[in-house]
N, C-alpha and C. Protein backbone atom coordinates (compact mmCIF):
# COMPACT_ATOMS: atom_id res chain seq x y z
N MET A 1 -9.04 7.58 26.94
CA MET A 1 -8.63 8.33 25.85
C MET A 1 -10.01 8.05 25.30
N TYR A 2 -11.20 7.48 25.23
CA TYR A 2 -12.81 7.41 24.70
C TYR A 2 -13.02 8.59 25.07
N LYS A 3 -13.12 8.73 26.94
CA LYS A 3 -14.04 10.22 27.74
C LYS A 3 -13.02 11.07 27.17
N ALA A 4 -11.75 11.26 26.92
CA ALA A 4 -11.33 12.04 26.91
C ALA A 4 -11.72 13.00 25.36
N ALA A 5 -11.66 12.00 24.42
CA ALA A 5 -11.97 12.62 23.60
C ALA A 5 -13.40 13.09 23.13
N VAL A 6 -13.97 12.44 23.76
CA VAL A 6 -15.83 12.33 23.67
C VAL A 6 -16.05 13.92 24.79
N TYR A 7 -15.97 13.48 26.08
CA TYR A 7 -16.07 14.42 26.57
C TYR A 7 -15.00 15.48 27.38
N GLY A 8 -13.50 15.24 26.94
CA GLY A 8 -12.92 16.12 27.27
C GLY A 8 -12.18 16.19 28.59
N SER A 9 -12.58 14.68 29.10
CA SER A 9 -11.75 14.13 30.67
C SER A 9 -10.29 14.11 30.53
N PRO A 10 -9.82 14.63 31.43
CA PRO A 10 -8.13 14.91 30.89
C PRO A 10 -8.11 13.27 31.62
N VAL A 11 -6.87 12.77 30.92
CA VAL A 11 -6.48 11.37 31.25
C VAL A 11 -5.37 11.30 32.05
N LEU A 12 -4.19 12.48 32.22
CA LEU A 12 -3.27 12.57 33.13
C LEU A 12 -4.08 13.83 34.66
N ARG A 13 -4.59 13.56 35.49
CA ARG A 13 -5.12 13.71 36.47
C ARG A 13 -4.11 14.70 37.99
N PRO A 14 -4.17 15.27 38.49
CA PRO A 14 -3.18 15.34 40.15
C PRO A 14 -4.35 15.25 40.85
N LEU A 15 -3.61 14.32 41.36
CA LEU A 15 -4.43 13.85 42.99
C LEU A 15 -5.73 14.58 43.60
N ALA A 16 -5.46 15.85 43.40
CA ALA A 16 -6.39 16.58 43.89
C ALA A 16 -7.93 16.72 42.77
N PHE A 17 -7.53 16.26 41.59
CA PHE A 17 -8.50 16.13 40.66
C PHE A 17 -9.77 14.89 41.29
N GLU A 18 -9.29 14.25 41.49
CA GLU A 18 -10.11 13.47 42.02
C GLU A 18 -10.22 13.11 43.59
N PHE A 19 -9.77 13.80 44.10
CA PHE A 19 -10.02 13.79 45.96
C PHE A 19 -9.87 15.80 46.22
N PRO A 20 -10.95 16.15 46.11
CA PRO A 20 -10.97 17.57 46.02
C PRO A 20 -11.17 18.22 47.39
N SER A 21 -11.72 17.25 48.24
CA SER A 21 -11.44 17.75 49.91
C SER A 21 -10.75 17.11 50.24
N ASP A 22 -9.34 17.06 49.70
CA ASP A 22 -8.31 16.07 50.45
C ASP A 22 -7.32 17.27 49.73
N VAL A 23 -6.93 18.32 51.13
CA VAL A 23 -5.96 19.42 50.84
C VAL A 23 -4.51 18.98 51.08
N ARG A 24 -4.37 17.85 51.33
CA ARG A 24 -3.06 17.20 51.60
C ARG A 24 -2.64 17.40 49.82
N SER A 25 -3.55 16.69 49.26
CA SER A 25 -3.07 16.15 47.99
C SER A 25 -2.77 17.29 47.42
N PHE A 26 -2.96 18.65 47.88
CA PHE A 26 -2.63 19.61 46.23
C PHE A 26 -1.97 19.83 46.37
N SER A 27 -0.63 19.31 47.33
CA SER A 27 0.85 19.85 47.13
C SER A 27 1.96 18.34 47.21
N ILE A 28 0.98 17.61 46.18
CA ILE A 28 1.55 16.43 45.90
C ILE A 28 2.62 16.33 44.43
N ASN A 29 3.24 16.55 43.70
CA ASN A 29 3.61 16.97 42.99
C ASN A 29 4.36 15.76 42.32
N ASN A 30 4.43 14.31 42.71
CA ASN A 30 5.49 13.73 42.25
C ASN A 30 4.31 11.88 41.75
N GLN A 31 2.72 12.47 42.63
CA GLN A 31 1.81 11.36 42.14
C GLN A 31 0.64 12.08 40.94
N PHE A 32 0.47 10.93 40.43
CA PHE A 32 -0.77 11.30 39.19
C PHE A 32 -1.83 10.28 39.43
N MET A 33 -2.70 10.69 39.17
CA MET A 33 -3.66 9.59 38.64
C MET A 33 -4.14 9.57 37.24
N TRP A 34 -4.49 8.00 36.68
CA TRP A 34 -4.18 7.43 35.30
C TRP A 34 -5.49 7.98 35.34
N GLY A 35 -6.27 8.58 34.54
CA GLY A 35 -8.08 8.61 34.75
C GLY A 35 -7.78 7.80 35.96
N ASP A 36 -9.27 7.99 36.03
CA ASP A 36 -10.20 7.81 37.68
C ASP A 36 -9.45 6.52 38.51
N LYS A 37 -8.72 5.98 37.94
CA LYS A 37 -8.93 4.33 38.62
C LYS A 37 -7.29 4.12 38.53
N LEU A 38 -6.13 4.59 38.30
CA LEU A 38 -4.51 4.55 38.63
C LEU A 38 -3.97 5.42 38.97
N MET A 39 -3.31 4.93 40.12
CA MET A 39 -2.27 6.15 40.98
C MET A 39 -1.14 5.78 40.43
N VAL A 40 -0.34 6.84 39.74
CA VAL A 40 1.07 6.43 39.31
C VAL A 40 2.33 6.99 40.50
N SER A 41 3.13 6.52 40.63
CA SER A 41 3.88 7.46 41.94
C SER A 41 5.58 7.43 41.32
N ILE A 42 5.81 8.77 41.07
CA ILE A 42 7.39 8.63 40.78
C ILE A 42 8.51 8.48 41.56
N GLY A 43 9.62 8.06 41.30
CA GLY A 43 10.28 8.48 42.32
C GLY A 43 10.29 7.34 43.30
N THR A 44 11.74 6.89 43.40
CA THR A 44 12.32 5.88 44.58
C THR A 44 13.36 6.03 45.31
N GLY A 45 12.92 5.66 46.71
CA GLY A 45 14.36 5.99 47.37
C GLY A 45 15.42 4.64 47.33
N LEU A 46 15.87 4.38 48.55
CA LEU A 46 16.83 3.76 48.55
C LEU A 46 16.53 2.24 48.62
N GLU A 47 17.32 1.53 47.51
CA GLU A 47 16.62 -0.27 47.66
C GLU A 47 14.84 -0.36 47.43
N GLY A 48 14.82 0.35 46.44
CA GLY A 48 13.33 0.45 46.20
C GLY A 48 11.84 0.98 46.83
N LEU A 49 12.74 1.47 47.81
CA LEU A 49 11.39 1.94 49.19
C LEU A 49 10.94 3.36 48.52
N SER A 50 9.95 3.76 48.30
CA SER A 50 8.89 5.10 48.39
C SER A 50 7.96 5.27 49.02
N SER A 51 8.31 6.98 49.77
CA SER A 51 6.81 7.15 50.59
C SER A 51 5.93 7.48 49.45
N ILE A 52 4.78 6.97 49.42
CA ILE A 52 3.67 7.64 48.99
C ILE A 52 2.79 7.93 49.56
N TYR A 53 1.95 8.82 49.28
CA TYR A 53 0.43 9.11 49.71
C TYR A 53 -0.36 8.44 49.16
N PHE A 54 -1.31 8.04 50.51
CA PHE A 54 -2.42 7.31 50.31
C PHE A 54 -3.63 7.68 50.75
N PRO A 55 -4.96 8.49 49.25
CA PRO A 55 -5.46 9.48 49.80
C PRO A 55 -6.94 8.14 50.48
N ARG A 56 -7.72 9.27 50.87
CA ARG A 56 -8.28 8.29 52.07
C ARG A 56 -8.95 6.91 50.47
N ALA A 57 -9.17 5.91 50.36
CA ALA A 57 -9.81 4.91 49.47
C ALA A 57 -9.20 3.66 50.12
N GLU A 58 -9.23 2.78 49.39
CA GLU A 58 -8.57 1.22 49.15
C GLU A 58 -7.61 1.49 48.48
N TRP A 59 -6.60 0.61 48.27
CA TRP A 59 -5.84 0.37 47.28
C TRP A 59 -4.96 -0.82 47.07
N TYR A 60 -4.99 -1.17 45.70
CA TYR A 60 -4.25 -2.47 45.52
C TYR A 60 -3.06 -2.27 44.87
N GLU A 61 -1.76 -2.91 45.03
CA GLU A 61 -1.10 -2.66 43.75
C GLU A 61 -0.79 -3.23 42.88
N PHE A 62 -0.75 -2.51 41.72
CA PHE A 62 -1.15 -3.37 40.70
C PHE A 62 -0.60 -4.57 40.14
N TYR A 63 0.69 -4.66 40.42
CA TYR A 63 1.41 -5.88 40.12
C TYR A 63 1.01 -7.35 40.24
N ARG A 64 0.99 -6.83 41.64
CA ARG A 64 0.52 -8.00 43.28
C ARG A 64 -0.73 -8.32 43.74
N GLY A 65 -1.27 -7.01 43.42
CA GLY A 65 -2.65 -7.19 44.43
C GLY A 65 -2.38 -6.69 46.04
N PHE A 66 -1.15 -6.04 46.39
CA PHE A 66 -0.96 -5.71 47.69
C PHE A 66 -2.10 -4.69 48.48
N PHE A 67 -2.45 -5.29 49.51
CA PHE A 67 -3.73 -4.21 49.39
C PHE A 67 -3.40 -3.09 50.81
N THR A 68 -3.64 -1.72 50.23
CA THR A 68 -3.10 -0.61 51.42
C THR A 68 -4.72 0.26 51.65
N GLN A 69 -5.44 0.36 52.92
CA GLN A 69 -5.91 0.85 53.11
C GLN A 69 -5.63 2.50 53.12
N GLY A 70 -6.03 3.62 52.26
CA GLY A 70 -5.69 4.90 52.38
C GLY A 70 -6.10 5.49 53.41
N THR A 71 -5.28 6.28 54.17
CA THR A 71 -5.84 7.23 55.52
C THR A 71 -5.65 8.57 54.99
N GLY A 72 -5.35 8.89 54.27
CA GLY A 72 -4.88 10.21 53.78
C GLY A 72 -2.69 10.47 54.69
N GLU A 73 -2.19 9.67 54.53
CA GLU A 73 -1.44 9.85 55.33
C GLU A 73 -0.21 9.08 53.98
N PHE A 74 1.06 9.44 53.94
CA PHE A 74 2.27 9.04 53.82
C PHE A 74 2.69 7.26 54.51
N ALA A 75 2.98 6.38 53.45
CA ALA A 75 3.58 4.78 53.53
C ALA A 75 4.34 4.54 53.12
N SER A 76 5.10 3.24 53.36
CA SER A 76 6.40 3.25 52.55
C SER A 76 5.65 2.09 51.23
N ALA A 77 6.57 2.08 50.54
CA ALA A 77 6.01 0.93 49.49
C ALA A 77 7.05 0.95 49.20
N SER A 78 7.41 -0.38 48.59
CA SER A 78 8.54 -1.15 47.82
C SER A 78 8.15 -1.92 46.53
N SER A 79 8.93 -1.63 45.28
CA SER A 79 8.85 -1.88 44.09
C SER A 79 10.58 -2.39 43.56
N ARG A 80 10.21 -3.14 43.04
CA ARG A 80 11.36 -4.44 42.06
C ARG A 80 11.71 -3.64 40.94
N ARG A 81 13.05 -3.76 40.69
CA ARG A 81 14.14 -3.14 39.64
C ARG A 81 12.90 -2.91 38.18
N ASN A 82 13.11 -1.82 37.73
CA ASN A 82 12.23 -1.34 36.45
C ASN A 82 10.38 -1.91 36.66
N GLU A 83 9.98 -1.46 37.94
CA GLU A 83 8.73 -1.55 37.54
C GLU A 83 8.17 0.09 38.44
N THR A 84 7.33 0.41 38.19
CA THR A 84 7.14 1.90 38.40
C THR A 84 5.85 1.63 39.74
N ASN A 85 5.47 2.23 40.61
CA ASN A 85 5.26 1.77 41.56
C ASN A 85 3.66 2.42 41.18
N LEU A 86 2.37 1.62 40.88
CA LEU A 86 1.34 1.98 40.33
C LEU A 86 0.30 1.19 41.17
N HIS A 87 -1.01 2.12 41.97
CA HIS A 87 -1.92 1.41 42.79
C HIS A 87 -3.58 1.33 41.86
N LEU A 88 -4.17 0.32 42.20
CA LEU A 88 -5.63 0.56 41.44
C LEU A 88 -6.59 0.72 42.41
N ARG A 89 -7.41 2.02 42.14
CA ARG A 89 -8.32 2.43 43.03
C ARG A 89 -8.79 1.44 43.65
N GLU A 90 -10.00 1.50 44.59
CA GLU A 90 -11.28 0.44 45.21
C GLU A 90 -12.15 1.06 43.77
N GLY A 91 -13.08 -0.07 43.49
CA GLY A 91 -14.06 -0.38 42.61
C GLY A 91 -13.69 -0.12 41.42
N SER A 92 -13.02 -0.63 40.82
CA SER A 92 -12.08 -0.54 39.47
C SER A 92 -11.70 -1.42 38.63
N VAL A 93 -12.33 -1.61 37.24
CA VAL A 93 -12.13 -2.84 36.36
C VAL A 93 -11.07 -2.10 35.14
N ILE A 94 -9.71 -2.66 34.98
CA ILE A 94 -9.39 -1.83 34.05
C ILE A 94 -8.76 -3.09 33.08
N PHE A 95 -7.85 -2.63 31.98
CA PHE A 95 -7.69 -4.29 30.96
C PHE A 95 -6.45 -3.50 30.72
N THR A 96 -5.36 -4.50 30.11
CA THR A 96 -3.83 -4.72 29.81
C THR A 96 -3.89 -5.52 28.61
N GLN A 97 -2.78 -5.09 27.73
CA GLN A 97 -2.43 -6.41 26.68
C GLN A 97 -0.61 -6.12 26.12
N ASP A 98 -0.62 -6.89 25.64
CA ASP A 98 1.06 -7.00 25.49
C ASP A 98 1.45 -6.39 24.52
N CYS A 99 2.39 -5.66 24.60
CA CYS A 99 3.24 -4.59 23.80
C CYS A 99 2.72 -5.07 22.69
N LEU A 100 2.45 -4.16 21.63
CA LEU A 100 2.05 -4.22 19.71
C LEU A 100 2.75 -3.51 18.99
N HIS A 101 2.68 -3.40 18.26
CA HIS A 101 3.07 -2.18 17.02
C HIS A 101 1.92 -1.59 16.48
N THR A 102 0.90 -2.41 16.19
CA THR A 102 -0.12 -1.11 16.06
C THR A 102 -1.30 -1.39 16.39
N ALA A 103 -2.58 -0.60 16.25
CA ALA A 103 -3.51 -0.47 16.99
C ALA A 103 -4.45 -1.50 16.19
N MET A 104 -4.16 -1.69 14.84
CA MET A 104 -4.76 -2.85 14.17
C MET A 104 -4.83 -4.05 15.57
N GLU A 105 -3.60 -4.13 15.22
CA GLU A 105 -3.11 -5.42 16.16
C GLU A 105 -3.93 -5.57 17.38
N SER A 106 -3.83 -4.85 18.12
CA SER A 106 -4.71 -5.14 19.24
C SER A 106 -5.48 -5.21 19.46
N SER A 107 -7.05 -5.32 18.45
CA SER A 107 -8.15 -5.32 18.07
C SER A 107 -8.34 -7.06 17.74
N TYR A 108 -7.15 -7.48 17.28
CA TYR A 108 -7.58 -9.14 16.90
C TYR A 108 -6.67 -9.73 18.03
N THR A 109 -6.37 -9.56 19.21
CA THR A 109 -5.40 -9.99 20.43
C THR A 109 -5.95 -10.71 21.99
N TYR A 110 -5.25 -10.70 22.52
CA TYR A 110 -5.95 -10.90 23.70
C TYR A 110 -5.69 -10.09 24.76
N ILE A 111 -6.73 -9.91 26.04
CA ILE A 111 -6.83 -8.53 26.58
C ILE A 111 -7.13 -9.64 28.14
N ASP A 112 -6.18 -8.95 28.92
CA ASP A 112 -6.67 -8.99 30.62
C ASP A 112 -7.13 -8.06 31.13
N VAL A 113 -8.18 -8.62 32.15
CA VAL A 113 -8.68 -7.69 32.86
C VAL A 113 -8.40 -7.83 34.29
N ILE A 114 -8.22 -6.85 34.85
CA ILE A 114 -7.78 -6.41 36.45
C ILE A 114 -9.21 -6.20 36.91
N ILE A 115 -9.32 -6.71 38.43
CA ILE A 115 -10.45 -6.18 38.88
C ILE A 115 -10.41 -5.76 40.41
N ALA A 116 -10.46 -4.82 40.97
CA ALA A 116 -10.18 -4.35 42.15
C ALA A 116 -11.48 -3.94 42.82
N LEU A 117 -11.73 -4.85 43.78
CA LEU A 117 -13.03 -4.76 44.39
C LEU A 117 -12.59 -3.47 45.48
N ASN A 118 -14.39 -3.03 45.70
CA ASN A 118 -14.77 -2.27 46.66
C ASN A 118 -14.61 -3.12 47.64
N VAL A 119 -14.34 -3.45 48.54
CA VAL A 119 -14.26 -4.62 50.19
C VAL A 119 -15.88 -3.45 50.98
N SER A 120 -15.68 -2.37 50.81
CA SER A 120 -16.37 -1.53 51.75
C SER A 120 -18.02 -1.34 51.21
N ASP A 121 -18.22 -1.75 49.73
CA ASP A 121 -19.18 -1.78 49.06
C ASP A 121 -19.78 -2.97 48.65
N ASN A 122 -19.61 -3.46 49.56
CA ASN A 122 -20.50 -5.12 48.86
C ASN A 122 -19.34 -5.68 47.93
N PHE A 123 -18.05 -5.75 47.97
CA PHE A 123 -17.43 -5.92 46.95
C PHE A 123 -17.80 -6.08 45.28
N THR A 124 -17.78 -4.64 45.39
CA THR A 124 -18.33 -3.70 43.69
C THR A 124 -17.09 -3.53 43.08
N ALA A 125 -17.16 -3.29 41.43
CA ALA A 125 -16.20 -2.38 40.81
C ALA A 125 -17.03 -2.48 39.22
N ARG A 126 -16.52 -1.13 38.82
CA ARG A 126 -16.97 -1.28 37.51
C ARG A 126 -15.82 -0.76 36.71
N GLY A 127 -15.80 -0.70 35.73
CA GLY A 127 -15.06 -0.28 34.09
C GLY A 127 -15.66 -0.16 33.00
N GLU A 128 -15.22 0.68 31.63
CA GLU A 128 -15.58 0.26 30.88
C GLU A 128 -14.51 0.45 29.42
N LEU A 129 -14.64 -0.66 28.66
CA LEU A 129 -13.74 -1.63 27.55
C LEU A 129 -14.38 -0.63 26.51
N TYR A 130 -12.86 0.37 25.66
CA TYR A 130 -13.66 1.15 24.39
C TYR A 130 -12.67 0.29 23.44
N ILE A 131 -13.11 0.00 22.03
CA ILE A 131 -12.19 -0.49 20.92
C ILE A 131 -13.02 -0.13 19.76
N ASP A 132 -12.23 0.25 19.02
CA ASP A 132 -12.57 0.74 17.65
C ASP A 132 -11.89 0.25 16.64
N ASP A 133 -12.16 1.11 15.30
CA ASP A 133 -11.60 0.85 13.85
C ASP A 133 -10.33 1.76 13.65
N SER A 134 -9.45 1.58 13.95
CA SER A 134 -7.94 2.66 14.38
C SER A 134 -7.94 2.80 12.95
N SER A 135 -8.34 2.45 12.07
CA SER A 135 -8.29 3.04 10.22
C SER A 135 -9.56 4.02 10.10
N LYS A 136 -10.37 3.90 11.16
CA LYS A 136 -11.43 5.12 10.47
C LYS A 136 -11.15 6.64 11.47
N LYS A 137 -11.52 7.61 10.64
CA LYS A 137 -11.46 9.09 11.25
C LYS A 137 -12.83 9.00 12.28
N ASN A 138 -12.37 9.82 13.16
CA ASN A 138 -13.99 9.92 14.13
C ASN A 138 -14.59 8.62 14.72
N ALA A 139 -13.71 7.17 14.34
CA ALA A 139 -14.65 5.93 14.80
C ALA A 139 -15.39 6.02 16.19
N GLN A 140 -15.04 6.98 17.27
CA GLN A 140 -15.36 7.04 18.44
C GLN A 140 -17.34 7.73 18.10
N VAL A 141 -17.76 8.12 17.09
CA VAL A 141 -19.18 8.83 17.45
C VAL A 141 -19.67 8.06 15.94
N LYS A 142 -18.79 6.95 15.11
CA LYS A 142 -19.58 6.03 14.38
C LYS A 142 -20.00 4.92 14.44
N ASP A 143 -21.33 4.56 14.61
CA ASP A 143 -21.65 3.51 15.27
C ASP A 143 -20.68 1.99 14.50
N ASN A 144 -20.89 1.59 13.46
CA ASN A 144 -20.06 0.66 12.90
C ASN A 144 -18.86 0.45 13.04
N TYR A 145 -18.32 1.79 13.51
CA TYR A 145 -16.63 1.72 13.71
C TYR A 145 -16.23 1.12 15.23
N HIS A 146 -17.31 1.20 16.19
CA HIS A 146 -16.56 1.35 17.70
C HIS A 146 -17.38 0.52 18.80
N ARG A 147 -16.86 -0.07 19.74
CA ARG A 147 -17.85 -0.58 20.57
C ARG A 147 -17.46 -0.22 21.98
N LEU A 148 -18.03 0.32 22.56
CA LEU A 148 -18.12 -0.03 24.11
C LEU A 148 -19.03 -0.44 25.17
N ILE A 149 -17.72 -1.46 25.83
CA ILE A 149 -18.23 -2.19 26.73
C ILE A 149 -18.53 -1.96 28.03
N ASN A 150 -19.31 -2.19 28.72
CA ASN A 150 -19.26 -1.67 30.39
C ASN A 150 -19.39 -3.18 31.26
N PHE A 151 -18.14 -2.95 32.13
CA PHE A 151 -18.19 -4.42 32.91
C PHE A 151 -18.10 -4.04 34.62
N LYS A 152 -19.11 -4.56 34.90
CA LYS A 152 -20.30 -4.19 36.42
C LYS A 152 -19.78 -5.57 37.33
N VAL A 153 -19.02 -5.45 38.48
CA VAL A 153 -19.11 -6.49 39.09
C VAL A 153 -20.06 -6.32 40.75
N TYR A 154 -20.26 -7.43 41.30
CA TYR A 154 -21.34 -7.27 42.22
C TYR A 154 -21.50 -8.18 43.18
N ARG A 155 -21.71 -8.49 44.14
CA ARG A 155 -22.39 -9.38 44.61
C ARG A 155 -23.89 -9.88 44.96
N GLU A 156 -24.33 -10.90 44.51
CA GLU A 156 -25.60 -11.34 44.57
C GLU A 156 -25.44 -13.04 45.70
N GLU A 157 -26.54 -12.94 47.08
CA GLU A 157 -26.13 -13.83 47.74
C GLU A 157 -24.49 -14.15 47.76
N ASN A 158 -24.44 -15.14 47.66
CA ASN A 158 -23.15 -16.07 47.90
C ASN A 158 -22.36 -15.91 46.36
N ASP A 159 -22.76 -15.30 45.57
CA ASP A 159 -22.38 -15.48 43.97
C ASP A 159 -21.49 -14.01 44.13
N GLY A 160 -20.44 -14.11 43.67
CA GLY A 160 -20.11 -12.78 42.84
C GLY A 160 -20.08 -13.09 41.18
N ILE A 161 -20.73 -11.80 40.22
CA ILE A 161 -20.70 -11.24 39.15
C ILE A 161 -20.02 -10.76 38.68
N ILE A 162 -19.99 -10.98 37.22
CA ILE A 162 -19.37 -10.01 36.12
C ILE A 162 -20.12 -10.14 35.16
N GLU A 163 -20.94 -8.81 35.23
CA GLU A 163 -21.57 -8.62 34.17
C GLU A 163 -20.93 -7.79 32.85
N VAL A 164 -21.03 -8.49 32.08
CA VAL A 164 -20.62 -7.96 30.08
C VAL A 164 -21.93 -6.95 29.53
N ARG A 165 -21.91 -5.61 29.08
CA ARG A 165 -22.84 -5.40 28.53
C ARG A 165 -22.34 -4.23 27.42
N ARG A 166 -22.99 -4.44 26.07
CA ARG A 166 -22.48 -3.19 24.91
C ARG A 166 -23.33 -2.00 25.29
N LEU A 167 -22.44 -1.04 25.57
CA LEU A 167 -22.93 0.37 25.99
C LEU A 167 -23.38 0.88 24.63
N SER A 168 -22.65 1.09 23.67
CA SER A 168 -22.70 1.58 22.17
C SER A 168 -21.62 0.98 21.14
N GLY A 169 -22.21 1.06 19.85
CA GLY A 169 -21.35 0.92 19.05
C GLY A 169 -21.65 -0.64 18.69
N ARG A 170 -21.23 -0.97 17.33
CA ARG A 170 -21.43 -1.91 16.77
C ARG A 170 -20.16 -2.98 15.73
N TYR A 171 -19.34 -2.30 16.43
CA TYR A 171 -17.79 -2.70 15.55
C TYR A 171 -17.92 -4.39 15.86
N ILE A 172 -17.62 -5.18 15.12
CA ILE A 172 -17.15 -6.35 15.42
C ILE A 172 -15.65 -6.60 15.16
N THR A 173 -15.04 -7.55 16.85
CA THR A 173 -13.87 -7.53 16.72
C THR A 173 -13.57 -9.04 17.35
N ARG A 174 -12.37 -9.16 16.78
CA ARG A 174 -12.15 -10.88 17.18
C ARG A 174 -11.26 -10.96 18.74
N LEU A 175 -11.43 -9.80 19.31
CA LEU A 175 -10.57 -9.40 20.36
C LEU A 175 -11.65 -10.86 21.56
N SER A 176 -10.21 -10.86 22.25
CA SER A 176 -11.20 -12.38 23.63
C SER A 176 -10.25 -12.05 24.78
N TYR A 177 -10.51 -12.08 25.79
CA TYR A 177 -10.10 -12.34 27.40
C TYR A 177 -9.27 -13.88 27.47
N ARG A 178 -8.16 -13.23 27.92
CA ARG A 178 -7.43 -14.52 28.46
C ARG A 178 -7.30 -14.64 29.86
N ASP A 179 -6.89 -13.58 30.80
CA ASP A 179 -6.64 -13.77 32.44
C ASP A 179 -7.45 -13.12 32.69
N ILE A 180 -8.03 -12.84 34.18
CA ILE A 180 -8.67 -12.23 34.69
C ILE A 180 -8.40 -12.18 36.29
N LYS A 181 -7.87 -11.41 36.69
CA LYS A 181 -7.20 -11.08 37.80
C LYS A 181 -8.50 -10.22 38.73
N ILE A 182 -8.21 -10.95 39.91
CA ILE A 182 -9.52 -10.25 41.04
C ILE A 182 -8.79 -9.85 42.27
N TYR A 183 -8.64 -8.65 42.78
CA TYR A 183 -8.01 -8.24 43.69
C TYR A 183 -9.31 -8.34 44.92
N GLY A 184 -8.87 -8.60 46.18
CA GLY A 184 -9.96 -8.13 47.22
C GLY A 184 -10.84 -9.21 47.27
N LEU A 185 -10.42 -10.48 47.14
CA LEU A 185 -11.55 -11.63 47.31
C LEU A 185 -11.22 -12.32 48.58
N ARG A 186 -12.38 -12.81 49.18
CA ARG A 186 -11.40 -13.30 50.69
C ARG A 186 -11.64 -14.80 50.79
N SER A 187 -12.16 -15.29 49.47
CA SER A 187 -12.04 -16.62 49.47
C SER A 187 -11.59 -17.26 48.39
N LYS A 188 -10.88 -18.72 47.44
CA LYS A 188 -10.92 -19.25 46.45
C LYS A 188 -12.84 -19.30 45.87
N PRO A 189 -12.51 -19.00 44.58
CA PRO A 189 -13.85 -19.24 44.39
C PRO A 189 -14.26 -20.74 43.87
N SER A 190 -15.24 -21.78 44.35
CA SER A 190 -15.28 -22.90 44.18
C SER A 190 -16.08 -23.55 42.81
N ARG A 191 -16.94 -22.08 42.24
CA ARG A 191 -17.41 -22.57 40.96
C ARG A 191 -17.30 -21.77 39.76
N ILE A 192 -16.65 -21.56 38.90
CA ILE A 192 -16.84 -20.68 37.73
C ILE A 192 -17.58 -21.11 36.62
N THR A 193 -18.94 -19.94 36.24
CA THR A 193 -19.39 -20.43 35.46
C THR A 193 -19.67 -19.05 34.02
N VAL A 194 -19.48 -19.20 32.71
CA VAL A 194 -20.22 -18.58 31.89
C VAL A 194 -21.61 -18.61 31.21
N ASN A 195 -22.09 -17.84 31.50
CA ASN A 195 -23.85 -17.63 31.10
C ASN A 195 -23.95 -17.65 29.95
N GLU A 196 -22.90 -17.05 29.23
CA GLU A 196 -23.46 -16.92 27.36
C GLU A 196 -23.49 -18.25 27.04
N ASN A 197 -22.84 -19.32 27.49
CA ASN A 197 -23.19 -20.51 26.64
C ASN A 197 -23.08 -21.77 27.53
N SER A 198 -23.76 -21.13 28.98
CA SER A 198 -24.00 -22.18 30.15
C SER A 198 -22.89 -23.00 30.18
N GLN A 199 -21.48 -22.55 30.21
CA GLN A 199 -20.42 -23.37 30.44
C GLN A 199 -19.72 -23.24 31.80
N SER A 200 -19.31 -24.54 32.69
CA SER A 200 -18.87 -24.21 34.07
C SER A 200 -17.06 -24.56 33.50
N ILE A 201 -16.78 -23.53 34.39
CA ILE A 201 -14.54 -23.59 34.33
C ILE A 201 -14.51 -24.27 35.21
N ASP A 202 -13.68 -25.28 34.91
CA ASP A 202 -12.99 -26.44 36.27
C ASP A 202 -12.42 -25.09 37.01
N SER A 203 -12.71 -24.98 38.22
CA SER A 203 -12.43 -24.11 39.21
C SER A 203 -10.65 -24.64 39.86
N SER A 204 -10.47 -25.87 39.63
CA SER A 204 -8.72 -25.77 39.72
C SER A 204 -7.98 -24.95 38.39
N LYS A 205 -8.15 -24.34 38.09
CA LYS A 205 -7.93 -23.60 36.99
C LYS A 205 -7.48 -21.76 37.65
N CYS A 206 -8.41 -21.94 38.57
CA CYS A 206 -8.15 -20.86 39.62
C CYS A 206 -7.39 -20.46 40.24
N VAL A 207 -5.95 -19.73 40.06
CA VAL A 207 -4.93 -19.80 40.93
C VAL A 207 -4.96 -18.47 42.18
N TRP A 208 -5.14 -18.81 43.30
CA TRP A 208 -5.53 -18.41 44.30
C TRP A 208 -4.38 -18.24 45.17
N ASP A 209 -4.11 -16.70 45.43
CA ASP A 209 -3.20 -16.07 46.14
C ASP A 209 -3.53 -15.79 47.77
N GLU A 210 -3.67 -17.09 48.94
CA GLU A 210 -4.09 -16.93 50.02
C GLU A 210 -3.26 -15.60 51.00
N GLN A 211 -2.11 -15.53 50.69
CA GLN A 211 -1.60 -14.04 51.55
C GLN A 211 -1.95 -13.06 50.62
N ASN A 212 -2.77 -12.79 49.69
CA ASN A 212 -2.91 -11.39 49.19
C ASN A 212 -4.30 -11.50 48.70
N GLN A 213 -4.90 -12.57 48.50
CA GLN A 213 -6.48 -12.50 48.30
C GLN A 213 -6.56 -11.78 46.46
């Protein structure tokens, strides 16, 4: 929404908007992109099975991280009851929160991070988190009323690094991170370190899914 307000970038996009060289995507009318990172597929077949078109990219099922290598063809995908088929594009970092009543509440609660690694590009990913004072008009252009944070994930020798930097704004928030999911890892992390306070986190607290990685 920040980029939509500042740059006019559409939030909901046909597949052809993100994959203009993919001629087959021009005729897909029951799938769309939410921004440049999340693909939404509407409609299910029998027993929750859907035929979904996957443009050429690496895709991760949103809820559990199942991997699909997009080849510009249709493929079957299953979804649980009351779940929409959602897939994260390679190299994405997105953010989720519990359902809240007001925008003000959202700036004082936990946020979860989902990272979908671009395996073919040395396990990289990027994303931006925008937070503002929802009670102020045009907060996105006022330095003290918003904060834009960049998340950059990359590999350095044997370490995977999540770099968090402020891009703009000086809005102070009590927002804190709760869960971080990383899709596309090839092995369980042996150690986790938070450099801001040189604190090591017990790697046993990391939940590793051997099947989905």
